[in-house]
Amino acid sequence: MSRTDAHVPLWVRLGRGDLDAEAQHAFDHAVCDLPERPPSRWEGWLPATRCRWTLRYTGTNICSCAMCHAGPQHRQENRNQRHRDRMALRAALGRWRSGEQSAFDDIAPPSRVYYW
């Protein structure tokens, strides 16, 4: 099995704290039986009420679907951005090789956060 976290179940990510969780309470019970934090291991505990831990969306895309990661509908735009990044790095490398020590100071890491 791969050692990456790409296929770790959602409840494990919530329990480890990789993703932010929030308690979703059932309104038909006066008390909540959820633990302080989401459990990182399933130990046979099931809530008696219908309260549960859910993902609190913080802008982190957790799946690999085209909706989260801007799939084919943005392919050309993504390619154009990568091309612009390569051109900027190539120009900065040329300036650095000619002796300019601050050639990479104005280069920022490419932003892969999309607001479509």
C-alpha atoms as a PDB file:
ATOM      1  CA  MET A   1       0.000   0.000   0.000  1.00  0.00           C
ATOM      2  CA  SER A   2       1.194   3.476  -0.759  1.00  0.00           C
ATOM      3  CA  ARG A   3       2.432   5.605   2.097  1.00  0.00           C
ATOM      4  CA  THR A   4       0.828   8.755   0.805  1.00  0.00           C
ATOM      5  CA  ASP A   5      -2.181  10.336   2.419  1.00  0.00           C
ATOM      6  CA  ALA A   6      -4.060  10.657  -0.843  1.00  0.00           C
ATOM      7  CA  HIS A   7      -6.481   7.866  -0.012  1.00  0.00           C
ATOM      8  CA  VAL A   8      -6.791   8.190   3.751  1.00  0.00           C
ATOM      9  CA  PRO A   9     -10.454   8.108   4.819  1.00  0.00           C
ATOM     10  CA  LEU A  10     -12.052  11.412   5.737  1.00  0.00           C
ATOM     11  CA  TRP A  11     -12.722  10.401   9.361  1.00  0.00           C
ATOM     12  CA  VAL A  12      -9.007   9.595   9.841  1.00  0.00           C
ATOM     13  CA  ARG A  13      -7.992  13.002   8.473  1.00  0.00           C
ATOM     14  CA  LEU A  14     -10.478  14.687  10.797  1.00  0.00           C
ATOM     15  CA  GLY A  15      -9.198  12.715  13.801  1.00  0.00           C
ATOM     16  CA  ARG A  16      -5.535  13.399  13.104  1.00  0.00           C
ATOM     17  CA  GLY A  17      -6.237  17.089  12.710  1.00  0.00           C
ATOM     18  CA  ASP A  18      -5.162  17.254   9.068  1.00  0.00           C
ATOM     19  CA  LEU A  19      -8.534  18.806   8.291  1.00  0.00           C
ATOM     20  CA  ASP A  20     -10.588  21.138  10.422  1.00  0.00           C
ATOM     21  CA  ALA A  21     -13.667  19.538  11.979  1.00  0.00           C
ATOM     22  CA  GLU A  22     -16.749  20.975  13.567  1.00  0.00           C
ATOM     23  CA  ALA A  23     -19.472  19.315  15.576  1.00  0.00           C
ATOM     24  CA  GLN A  24     -22.834  19.072  13.906  1.00  0.00           C
ATOM     25  CA  HIS A  25     -25.446  18.691  16.613  1.00  0.00           C
ATOM     26  CA  ALA A  26     -28.822  17.031  16.310  1.00  0.00           C
ATOM     27  CA  PHE A  27     -31.523  19.381  17.478  1.00  0.00           C
ATOM     28  CA  ASP A  28     -33.845  16.710  18.813  1.00  0.00           C
ATOM     29  CA  HIS A  29     -31.530  15.869  21.763  1.00  0.00           C
ATOM     30  CA  ALA A  30     -30.703  18.152  24.671  1.00  0.00           C
ATOM     31  CA  VAL A  31     -27.290  16.610  25.328  1.00  0.00           C
ATOM     32  CA  CYS A  32     -24.417  15.874  22.999  1.00  0.00           C
ATOM     33  CA  ASP A  33     -22.322  12.725  23.389  1.00  0.00           C
ATOM     34  CA  LEU A  34     -19.480  13.710  21.070  1.00  0.00           C
ATOM     35  CA  PRO A  35     -15.925  13.535  22.448  1.00  0.00           C
ATOM     36  CA  GLU A  36     -13.736  16.654  22.714  1.00  0.00           C
ATOM     37  CA  ARG A  37     -12.078  15.920  19.381  1.00  0.00           C
ATOM     38  CA  PRO A  38     -12.896  13.548  16.545  1.00  0.00           C
ATOM     39  CA  PRO A  39     -11.413  10.114  17.313  1.00  0.00           C
ATOM     40  CA  SER A  40      -8.375   9.203  15.210  1.00  0.00           C
ATOM     41  CA  ARG A  41      -9.115   5.483  15.540  1.00  0.00           C
ATOM     42  CA  TRP A  42     -12.439   3.778  15.442  1.00  0.00           C
ATOM     43  CA  GLU A  43     -12.810   1.952  18.732  1.00  0.00           C
ATOM     44  CA  GLY A  44     -16.360   0.764  18.322  1.00  0.00           C
ATOM     45  CA  TRP A  45     -17.806   4.035  19.603  1.00  0.00           C
ATOM     46  CA  LEU A  46     -21.009   5.134  17.959  1.00  0.00           C
ATOM     47  CA  PRO A  47     -22.984   8.159  19.063  1.00  0.00           C
ATOM     48  CA  ALA A  48     -26.309   7.492  20.735  1.00  0.00           C
ATOM     49  CA  THR A  49     -27.550  10.827  19.475  1.00  0.00           C
ATOM     50  CA  ARG A  50     -27.303  11.888  15.865  1.00  0.00           C
ATOM     51  CA  CYS A  51     -24.513  14.369  16.592  1.00  0.00           C
ATOM     52  CA  ARG A  52     -21.468  13.891  14.385  1.00  0.00           C
ATOM     53  CA  TRP A  53     -18.195  15.445  13.291  1.00  0.00           C
ATOM     54  CA  THR A  54     -18.174  17.054   9.869  1.00  0.00           C
ATOM     55  CA  LEU A  55     -15.595  18.776   7.728  1.00  0.00           C
ATOM     56  CA  ARG A  56     -15.350  22.524   8.166  1.00  0.00           C
ATOM     57  CA  TYR A  57     -14.333  23.841   4.762  1.00  0.00           C
ATOM     58  CA  THR A  58     -11.261  26.053   5.007  1.00  0.00           C
ATOM     59  CA  GLY A  59     -10.368  26.243   1.330  1.00  0.00           C
ATOM     60  CA  THR A  60      -8.410  22.993   1.300  1.00  0.00           C
ATOM     61  CA  ASN A  61      -9.569  20.739  -1.509  1.00  0.00           C
ATOM     62  CA  ILE A  62      -9.536  17.203  -0.179  1.00  0.00           C
ATOM     63  CA  CYS A  63     -10.613  15.209  -3.185  1.00  0.00           C
ATOM     64  CA  SER A  64      -9.245  14.813  -6.679  1.00  0.00           C
ATOM     65  CA  CYS A  65     -12.405  15.584  -8.600  1.00  0.00           C
ATOM     66  CA  ALA A  66     -12.478  18.064 -11.452  1.00  0.00           C
ATOM     67  CA  MET A  67     -14.816  20.300  -9.499  1.00  0.00           C
ATOM     68  CA  CYS A  68     -12.254  20.839  -6.714  1.00  0.00           C
ATOM     69  CA  HIS A  69      -9.161  21.003  -8.867  1.00  0.00           C
ATOM     70  CA  ALA A  70     -10.395  22.814 -11.960  1.00  0.00           C
ATOM     71  CA  GLY A  71     -10.284  20.002 -14.437  1.00  0.00           C
ATOM     72  CA  PRO A  72     -10.578  20.000 -18.214  1.00  0.00           C
ATOM     73  CA  GLN A  73     -12.532  23.225 -18.423  1.00  0.00           C
ATOM     74  CA  HIS A  74      -9.445  25.156 -17.262  1.00  0.00           C
ATOM     75  CA  ARG A  75      -6.721  23.063 -18.899  1.00  0.00           C
ATOM     76  CA  GLN A  76      -5.549  25.719 -21.345  1.00  0.00           C
ATOM     77  CA  GLU A  77      -5.521  28.426 -18.687  1.00  0.00           C
ATOM     78  CA  ASN A  78      -3.451  26.184 -16.393  1.00  0.00           C
ATOM     79  CA  ARG A  79      -0.994  25.449 -19.202  1.00  0.00           C
ATOM     80  CA  ASN A  80      -0.661  29.155 -19.963  1.00  0.00           C
ATOM     81  CA  GLN A  81       0.078  29.901 -16.292  1.00  0.00           C
ATOM     82  CA  ARG A  82       2.756  27.201 -16.143  1.00  0.00           C
ATOM     83  CA  HIS A  83       4.291  28.590 -19.338  1.00  0.00           C
ATOM     84  CA  ARG A  84       4.396  32.120 -17.861  1.00  0.00           C
ATOM     85  CA  ASP A  85       6.026  30.717 -14.700  1.00  0.00           C
ATOM     86  CA  ARG A  86       8.695  28.914 -16.738  1.00  0.00           C
ATOM     87  CA  MET A  87       9.414  32.057 -18.762  1.00  0.00           C
ATOM     88  CA  ALA A  88       9.810  34.153 -15.603  1.00  0.00           C
ATOM     89  CA  LEU A  89      12.152  31.566 -14.068  1.00  0.00           C
ATOM     90  CA  ARG A  90      14.187  31.308 -17.272  1.00  0.00           C
ATOM     91  CA  ALA A  91      14.608  35.098 -17.400  1.00  0.00           C
ATOM     92  CA  ALA A  92      15.601  35.223 -13.723  1.00  0.00           C
ATOM     93  CA  LEU A  93      18.119  32.417 -14.260  1.00  0.00           C
ATOM     94  CA  GLY A  94      19.684  34.360 -17.132  1.00  0.00           C
ATOM     95  CA  ARG A  95      20.005  37.466 -14.945  1.00  0.00           C
ATOM     96  CA  TRP A  96      21.482  35.390 -12.102  1.00  0.00           C
ATOM     97  CA  ARG A  97      24.052  33.780 -14.434  1.00  0.00           C
ATOM     98  CA  SER A  98      25.115  37.221 -15.612  1.00  0.00           C
ATOM     99  CA  GLY A  99      25.947  38.188 -12.026  1.00  0.00           C
ATOM    100  CA  GLU A 100      22.790  39.759 -10.626  1.00  0.00           C
ATOM    101  CA  GLN A 101      22.478  38.410  -7.084  1.00  0.00           C
ATOM    102  CA  SER A 102      18.893  39.568  -6.582  1.00  0.00           C
ATOM    103  CA  ALA A 103      17.514  37.974  -9.755  1.00  0.00           C
ATOM    104  CA  PHE A 104      15.133  35.639  -7.924  1.00  0.00           C
ATOM    105  CA  ASP A 105      13.994  38.113  -5.273  1.00  0.00           C
ATOM    106  CA  ASP A 106      10.939  39.226  -7.212  1.00  0.00           C
ATOM    107  CA  ILE A 107       9.923  35.664  -8.162  1.00  0.00           C
ATOM    108  CA  ALA A 108       7.044  34.388  -6.043  1.00  0.00           C
ATOM    109  CA  PRO A 109       6.052  30.732  -5.831  1.00  0.00           C
ATOM    110  CA  PRO A 110       3.234  29.993  -8.255  1.00  0.00           C
ATOM    111  CA  SER A 111      -0.180  30.191  -6.688  1.00  0.00           C
ATOM    112  CA  ARG A 112      -2.245  27.111  -7.308  1.00  0.00           C
ATOM    113  CA  VAL A 113      -5.313  28.474  -5.546  1.00  0.00           C
ATOM    114  CA  TYR A 114      -8.016  29.152  -8.079  1.00  0.00           C
ATOM    115  CA  TYR A 115     -11.067  31.310  -7.540  1.00  0.00           C
ATOM    116  CA  TRP A 116     -13.275  30.245 -10.426  1.00  0.00           C
END
